[in-house]
Amino acid sequence: MTELRVALVGLDHWYAALPLADGARSRAGLSLAGVWDADPARAAYVGQRYDVGRVEADWRALVDDPGIDAVLSFVSPDLNPEVCVAAAKAGKHIIANKPLALRSEDASRVVEAVRGSGVTFLPAESRQRLGPNAQWLRRWLQDGRIGQLTSAAMTTWAGLPAQWPDDRTPGWFVDPARTVGGGWVDHSIYQIDLLRWLLGEEVVAISGQTAKHAHPELEVEDYGAATATFAGGAVATLENTWTAPDGGFQSSYTVVGSGGAVRMDGIQGRLLVSGEVEPFSGWVEVAPPGRHDQAADLDHWAAVIRGESDPVATVEDAWHNLAACIAFYESVNAGRTISPREDPA
């Protein structure tokens, strides 16, 4: 395969779709061969901006085309399974939006289709594993620099998402018919994926609560906090909101091990460690490894497709991330701790 011809199907999650579209048309060995969106004006905009000669009125035309090698599926979660199943059955490699689906059963259909076709599937939320900060943190844990991971506290304080760069209304992000939940799932799915990867364990129990603090008019929550327990006993608190004012976004975490801790300050961009950092003691500030280039994730995806690299994540990761998030909302409704489903079968 000399060149990987990529189609962009859907622009609902444009935050990720646009950088990947730019990467697909500008990185060596890749080309952006077609685009579709339910909004023809948005599709036309992307076609013009990224010099894509093919803008389709039906996404199936791209998925069914034998000249297309891979699909970026960034439709909303209600349509995502249909696109992913069709793409897998057509032999197309996939990067798919998060969450994978509205229900575990629909996500399981995607798992079955991907397994049956043998295509490469990279979950959108798992692409963070390729970033320099995540890679650095994993190396520290693997090297035993802070001992065995025992707990974590992760917080993202964000404003309402926008359905398009020049349309600040939230659109599908707040439609309970099109997504799993609101402000909590929007960012917690990244936290769950990161912790699953760092620990190599699944969430075995989760509980929490949601609220509408800043936007009572919404049909979904703008605040959520969870306590998640992993198979080895590590416990994480995951707080995510849409209550931040303009310019108030911040995301931070503290990861605690049996022999130290790592703290990322999302406001000042400071990375602090307490562990094996001789000759220093206590908390020590270190230089953050760097920013994550989203488009560079395509290099990994292409290398996996060509058999040159092992995948950093699979469709099963997308399934387990969704299962944990669904269990959280079940816990909120039931008022008790819930154990996520264990297997896509």
Protein backbone atom coordinates (compact mmCIF):
# COMPACT_ATOMS: atom_id res chain seq x y z
CA MET A 1 0.00 0.00 0.00
CA THR A 2 1.89 3.05 -1.27
CA GLU A 3 -0.71 5.60 -0.16
CA LEU A 4 -3.52 5.33 2.36
CA ARG A 5 -6.66 6.93 0.92
CA VAL A 6 -8.77 8.24 3.79
CA ALA A 7 -12.41 9.36 3.85
CA LEU A 8 -13.81 11.67 6.51
CA VAL A 9 -17.33 10.59 7.44
CA GLY A 10 -19.04 13.13 9.69
CA LEU A 11 -18.01 16.37 11.32
CA ASP A 12 -20.10 16.20 14.48
CA HIS A 13 -17.01 16.03 16.68
CA TRP A 14 -15.17 18.65 14.68
CA TYR A 15 -12.65 19.28 17.48
CA ALA A 16 -10.96 16.02 16.46
CA ALA A 17 -12.19 15.67 12.87
CA LEU A 18 -10.66 18.87 11.50
CA PRO A 19 -7.10 18.30 12.80
CA LEU A 20 -7.22 14.74 11.48
CA ALA A 21 -8.54 15.91 8.12
CA ASP A 22 -5.65 18.35 7.92
CA GLY A 23 -3.22 15.58 8.82
CA ALA A 24 -4.68 13.14 6.30
CA ARG A 25 -4.19 15.57 3.44
CA SER A 26 -0.75 16.82 4.47
CA ARG A 27 1.20 13.84 5.87
CA ALA A 28 3.35 11.64 3.66
CA GLY A 29 1.72 8.38 2.63
CA LEU A 30 -1.81 9.65 3.27
CA SER A 31 -4.42 11.46 1.23
CA LEU A 32 -7.85 12.84 2.10
CA ALA A 33 -9.93 11.28 -0.65
CA GLY A 34 -13.47 12.27 0.30
CA VAL A 35 -15.73 13.90 2.85
CA TRP A 36 -19.36 13.63 3.96
CA ASP A 37 -21.43 15.34 6.61
CA ALA A 38 -25.14 15.49 7.32
CA ASP A 39 -24.82 19.27 6.84
CA PRO A 40 -23.85 19.83 3.17
CA ALA A 41 -22.51 23.31 3.95
CA ARG A 42 -20.05 21.93 6.52
CA ALA A 43 -18.94 19.19 4.13
CA ALA A 44 -18.44 21.75 1.36
CA TYR A 45 -16.42 23.94 3.71
CA VAL A 46 -14.06 21.08 4.58
CA GLY A 47 -13.79 20.07 0.94
CA GLN A 48 -12.72 23.59 0.00
CA ARG A 49 -10.49 24.20 3.01
CA TYR A 50 -8.54 20.96 2.57
CA ASP A 51 -8.74 20.79 -1.21
CA VAL A 52 -10.84 17.62 -1.30
CA GLY A 53 -12.34 17.10 -4.73
CA ARG A 54 -14.95 14.62 -3.57
CA VAL A 55 -17.81 15.74 -1.34
CA GLU A 56 -20.54 13.10 -1.15
CA ALA A 57 -24.25 13.41 -0.37
CA ASP A 58 -24.33 9.89 1.16
CA TRP A 59 -21.64 8.50 3.47
CA ARG A 60 -22.18 5.00 2.10
CA ALA A 61 -20.71 6.10 -1.23
CA LEU A 62 -17.37 6.60 0.52
CA VAL A 63 -17.55 3.52 2.75
CA ASP A 64 -18.51 1.21 -0.14
CA ASP A 65 -15.88 2.57 -2.54
CA PRO A 66 -13.07 -0.01 -3.03
CA GLY A 67 -10.72 2.89 -3.75
CA ILE A 68 -11.04 4.12 -0.15
CA ASP A 69 -8.71 2.38 2.32
CA ALA A 70 -9.72 3.92 5.64
CA VAL A 71 -12.44 5.93 7.34
CA LEU A 72 -12.44 8.65 9.98
CA SER A 73 -15.88 8.30 11.58
CA PHE A 74 -16.75 11.44 13.52
CA VAL A 75 -20.51 11.25 13.45
CA SER A 76 -22.39 11.44 16.75
CA PRO A 77 -22.59 8.25 18.88
CA ASP A 78 -26.09 7.32 17.68
CA LEU A 79 -24.86 6.89 14.08
CA ASN A 80 -21.29 5.83 14.86
CA PRO A 81 -22.00 2.06 15.13
CA GLU A 82 -23.74 1.97 11.74
CA VAL A 83 -20.85 3.72 10.03
CA CYS A 84 -18.21 1.62 11.80
CA VAL A 85 -19.92 -1.71 11.09
CA ALA A 86 -20.36 -0.81 7.43
CA ALA A 87 -16.75 0.35 7.17
CA ALA A 88 -15.38 -2.78 8.81
CA LYS A 89 -17.45 -5.07 6.59
CA ALA A 90 -16.16 -3.16 3.58
CA GLY A 91 -12.58 -3.75 4.77
CA LYS A 92 -11.91 -0.15 5.76
CA HIS A 93 -9.57 0.72 8.63
CA ILE A 94 -11.19 3.02 11.17
CA ILE A 95 -10.61 5.84 13.62
CA ALA A 96 -13.93 6.40 15.39
CA ASN A 97 -15.46 9.12 17.52
CA LYS A 98 -16.07 8.72 21.24
CA PRO A 99 -18.12 7.30 22.77
CA LEU A 100 -18.36 4.39 20.36
CA ALA A 101 -22.14 4.02 20.69
CA LEU A 102 -25.17 4.77 22.84
CA ARG A 103 -25.52 1.20 24.09
CA SER A 104 -23.16 -1.67 24.83
CA GLU A 105 -25.10 -3.88 22.42
CA ASP A 106 -24.44 -1.52 19.52
CA ALA A 107 -20.77 -1.27 20.50
CA SER A 108 -20.61 -5.07 20.55
CA ARG A 109 -21.77 -5.13 16.91
CA VAL A 110 -18.82 -2.93 16.03
CA VAL A 111 -16.44 -5.24 17.92
CA GLU A 112 -17.82 -8.26 16.07
CA ALA A 113 -17.51 -6.55 12.67
CA VAL A 114 -13.95 -5.37 13.32
CA ARG A 115 -12.86 -8.77 14.60
CA GLY A 116 -14.45 -10.49 11.62
CA SER A 117 -12.81 -8.23 9.06
CA GLY A 118 -9.37 -7.88 10.63
CA VAL A 119 -9.22 -4.12 10.03
CA THR A 120 -7.32 -1.74 12.28
CA PHE A 121 -9.54 0.23 14.67
CA LEU A 122 -8.24 3.15 16.73
CA PRO A 123 -10.65 4.68 19.28
CA ALA A 124 -10.62 8.48 19.31
CA GLU A 125 -10.30 8.60 23.10
CA SER A 126 -7.30 6.24 23.05
CA ARG A 127 -5.23 8.44 20.76
CA GLN A 128 -4.10 10.37 23.85
CA ARG A 129 -1.94 7.36 24.72
CA LEU A 130 0.38 8.42 21.90
CA GLY A 131 0.94 11.86 23.42
CA PRO A 132 4.27 12.73 25.09
CA ASN A 133 2.72 13.31 28.54
CA ALA A 134 0.93 9.96 28.58
CA GLN A 135 4.01 8.14 27.28
CA TRP A 136 6.20 9.79 29.93
CA LEU A 137 3.78 8.93 32.74
CA ARG A 138 3.54 5.31 31.64
CA ARG A 139 7.34 4.97 31.55
CA TRP A 140 7.57 6.34 35.10
CA LEU A 141 5.05 3.80 36.30
CA GLN A 142 6.67 0.94 34.41
CA ASP A 143 10.07 1.90 35.82
CA GLY A 144 8.66 1.87 39.35
CA ARG A 145 9.53 5.52 39.94
CA ILE A 146 6.40 6.08 42.06
CA GLY A 147 5.66 2.47 42.97
CA GLN A 148 2.36 0.77 42.30
CA LEU A 149 -0.48 3.07 41.29
CA THR A 150 -3.02 3.23 44.12
CA SER A 151 -5.26 6.22 43.39
CA ALA A 152 -5.91 9.09 41.04
CA ALA A 153 -7.90 12.32 40.99
CA MET A 154 -8.75 13.80 37.60
CA THR A 155 -10.71 16.98 36.88
CA THR A 156 -11.76 18.77 33.71
CA TRP A 157 -13.59 22.08 34.04
CA ALA A 158 -14.94 23.07 30.64
CA GLY A 159 -17.63 25.20 29.10
CA LEU A 160 -20.39 23.97 26.85
CA PRO A 161 -19.06 22.41 23.64
CA ALA A 162 -19.84 24.09 20.32
CA GLN A 163 -21.40 22.22 17.43
CA TRP A 164 -19.22 24.14 14.93
CA PRO A 165 -16.41 26.73 15.17
CA ASP A 166 -18.75 29.59 14.29
CA ASP A 167 -21.83 28.16 16.04
CA ARG A 168 -21.43 28.12 19.80
CA THR A 169 -24.72 26.33 20.45
CA PRO A 170 -24.02 22.77 21.70
CA GLY A 171 -26.22 20.90 19.23
CA TRP A 172 -25.94 17.11 19.41
CA PHE A 173 -23.65 17.24 22.43
CA VAL A 174 -26.68 17.92 24.65
CA ASP A 175 -29.21 15.72 22.83
CA PRO A 176 -29.91 12.57 24.92
CA ALA A 177 -31.11 10.80 21.78
CA ARG A 178 -27.69 11.22 20.18
CA THR A 179 -25.19 10.75 23.00
CA VAL A 180 -24.69 8.86 26.26
CA GLY A 181 -24.69 11.85 28.59
CA GLY A 182 -23.48 15.39 29.01
CA GLY A 183 -20.61 17.14 30.73
CA TRP A 184 -19.35 14.07 32.57
CA VAL A 185 -18.93 11.62 29.70
CA ASP A 186 -17.55 14.30 27.39
CA HIS A 187 -14.16 14.14 29.14
CA SER A 188 -14.34 11.26 31.61
CA ILE A 189 -14.03 8.75 28.80
CA TYR A 190 -10.48 10.02 28.22
CA GLN A 191 -9.68 9.65 31.92
CA ILE A 192 -11.05 6.12 32.05
CA ASP A 193 -9.10 5.12 28.97
CA LEU A 194 -5.86 6.58 30.33
CA LEU A 195 -6.21 4.81 33.68
CA ARG A 196 -7.15 1.49 32.06
CA TRP A 197 -4.00 1.76 29.95
CA LEU A 198 -1.71 2.81 32.80
CA LEU A 199 -2.98 0.07 35.10
CA GLY A 200 -3.65 -2.64 32.53
CA GLU A 201 -6.91 -3.27 34.42
CA GLU A 202 -10.63 -2.82 33.95
CA VAL A 203 -13.08 -0.78 36.00
CA VAL A 204 -14.91 -3.25 38.26
CA ALA A 205 -17.17 -0.82 40.13
CA ILE A 206 -18.29 2.77 39.63
CA SER A 207 -20.64 5.17 41.39
CA GLY A 208 -21.34 8.87 41.34
CA GLN A 209 -23.72 11.73 40.86
CA THR A 210 -24.68 14.33 38.30
CA ALA A 211 -26.22 17.79 38.48
CA LYS A 212 -27.20 20.83 36.43
CA HIS A 213 -25.39 23.74 38.03
CA ALA A 214 -24.83 26.29 35.26
CA HIS A 215 -27.29 25.12 32.60
CA PRO A 216 -30.56 23.93 34.19
CA GLU A 217 -32.28 24.10 30.80
CA LEU A 218 -30.27 21.16 29.43
CA GLU A 219 -31.66 17.63 29.12
CA VAL A 220 -28.24 16.28 30.15
CA GLU A 221 -25.98 17.08 33.08
CA ASP A 222 -23.39 19.85 33.13
CA TYR A 223 -21.66 18.36 36.20
CA GLY A 224 -20.66 14.84 37.12
CA ALA A 225 -18.37 13.19 39.67
CA ALA A 226 -17.52 9.50 39.84
CA THR A 227 -15.58 7.10 42.01
CA ALA A 228 -14.18 4.22 39.97
CA THR A 229 -12.49 1.12 41.38
CA PHE A 230 -10.14 -0.94 39.21
CA ALA A 231 -9.52 -4.68 39.33
CA GLY A 232 -6.30 -4.36 41.34
CA GLY A 233 -7.86 -2.09 43.96
CA ALA A 234 -6.79 1.35 42.69
CA VAL A 235 -9.47 4.01 43.15
CA ALA A 236 -9.98 7.10 40.98
CA THR A 237 -12.20 10.15 41.36
CA LEU A 238 -13.29 11.63 38.04
CA GLU A 239 -14.92 15.09 38.05
CA ASN A 240 -16.00 16.65 34.76
CA THR A 241 -18.14 19.70 34.07
CA TRP A 242 -19.50 22.12 31.50
CA THR A 243 -19.72 24.88 34.10
CA ALA A 244 -16.59 26.89 33.24
CA PRO A 245 -16.95 30.45 31.88
CA ASP A 246 -15.36 31.48 28.60
CA GLY A 247 -11.60 31.13 28.93
CA GLY A 248 -11.92 29.11 32.12
CA PHE A 249 -11.07 25.67 30.78
CA GLN A 250 -8.67 23.64 32.88
CA SER A 251 -7.75 19.98 33.08
CA SER A 252 -5.51 18.51 35.76
CA TYR A 253 -4.73 15.24 37.47
CA THR A 254 -2.87 13.68 40.37
CA VAL A 255 -1.72 10.08 40.14
CA VAL A 256 -0.57 8.54 43.43
CA GLY A 257 1.60 5.45 43.76
CA SER A 258 2.93 3.49 46.70
CA GLY A 259 6.26 5.33 46.43
CA GLY A 260 5.39 8.78 45.11
CA ALA A 261 3.01 10.82 42.99
CA VAL A 262 2.71 12.84 39.78
CA ARG A 263 0.68 16.06 39.53
CA MET A 264 -0.17 17.84 36.28
CA ASP A 265 -1.33 21.42 36.76
CA GLY A 266 -3.48 22.17 33.74
CA ILE A 267 -3.68 25.92 34.32
CA GLN A 268 0.03 26.73 34.44
CA GLY A 269 1.16 23.67 32.48
CA ARG A 270 3.37 22.55 35.37
CA LEU A 271 4.32 18.91 35.88
CA LEU A 272 5.28 18.03 39.46
CA VAL A 273 6.61 14.73 40.75
CA SER A 274 7.31 13.26 44.15
CA GLY A 275 9.27 10.03 43.99
CA GLU A 276 12.72 8.86 42.94
CA VAL A 277 14.16 12.21 41.85
CA GLU A 278 17.46 12.28 43.77
CA PRO A 279 19.10 14.47 44.95
CA PHE A 280 15.79 16.31 45.42
CA SER A 281 13.10 15.49 47.94
CA GLY A 282 9.43 16.35 48.20
CA TRP A 283 7.61 17.81 45.22
CA VAL A 284 9.85 18.70 42.28
CA GLU A 285 8.79 20.58 39.15
CA VAL A 286 9.92 19.03 35.88
CA ALA A 287 9.57 20.17 32.30
CA PRO A 288 6.44 18.77 30.63
CA PRO A 289 7.36 16.40 27.79
CA GLY A 290 5.53 18.49 25.18
CA ARG A 291 2.25 19.03 23.38
CA HIS A 292 0.31 16.27 21.65
CA ASP A 293 0.21 16.57 17.85
CA GLN A 294 -3.17 15.06 16.96
CA ALA A 295 -2.31 14.66 13.29
CA ALA A 296 0.77 12.60 14.21
CA ASP A 297 -1.60 9.93 15.50
CA LEU A 298 -2.27 9.14 11.84
CA ASP A 299 1.35 8.03 11.49
CA HIS A 300 0.80 5.38 14.15
CA TRP A 301 -2.49 4.30 12.57
CA ALA A 302 -0.83 3.97 9.15
CA ALA A 303 2.11 2.04 10.64
CA VAL A 304 -0.28 -0.43 12.27
CA ILE A 305 -2.19 -0.86 9.02
CA ARG A 306 1.07 -1.58 7.19
CA GLY A 307 2.12 -4.10 9.83
CA GLU A 308 5.01 -1.96 11.03
CA SER A 309 3.77 -1.35 14.58
CA ASP A 310 1.57 -2.86 17.26
CA PRO A 311 -1.65 -0.90 17.96
CA VAL A 312 -1.68 1.37 20.98
CA ALA A 313 -5.39 0.56 21.40
CA THR A 314 -8.12 -1.56 19.83
CA VAL A 315 -11.87 -1.67 19.36
CA GLU A 316 -12.10 -3.61 22.63
CA ASP A 317 -10.74 -0.56 24.43
CA ALA A 318 -13.54 1.56 22.97
CA TRP A 319 -16.05 -1.03 24.17
CA HIS A 320 -14.69 -1.14 27.74
CA ASN A 321 -14.47 2.66 27.96
CA LEU A 322 -18.12 2.92 26.95
CA ALA A 323 -19.15 0.13 29.34
CA ALA A 324 -17.64 2.02 32.28
CA CYS A 325 -19.40 5.24 31.27
CA ILE A 326 -22.75 3.49 30.86
CA ALA A 327 -22.31 1.90 34.30
CA PHE A 328 -21.74 5.38 35.77
CA TYR A 329 -25.06 6.66 34.48
CA GLU A 330 -26.77 3.47 35.65
CA SER A 331 -25.28 4.14 39.08
CA VAL A 332 -26.63 7.70 39.10
CA ASN A 333 -30.12 6.45 38.25
CA ALA A 334 -30.03 3.52 40.69
CA GLY A 335 -28.32 5.33 43.56
CA ARG A 336 -25.80 2.55 44.10
CA THR A 337 -22.49 1.22 42.84
CA ILE A 338 -22.62 -0.59 39.50
CA SER A 339 -20.18 -3.05 37.92
CA PRO A 340 -19.67 -2.49 34.18
CA ARG A 341 -20.33 -5.26 31.71
CA GLU A 342 -17.23 -7.40 31.40
CA ASP A 343 -17.19 -8.62 27.78
CA PRO A 344 -18.43 -7.48 24.38
CA ALA A 345 -19.81 -10.95 23.58
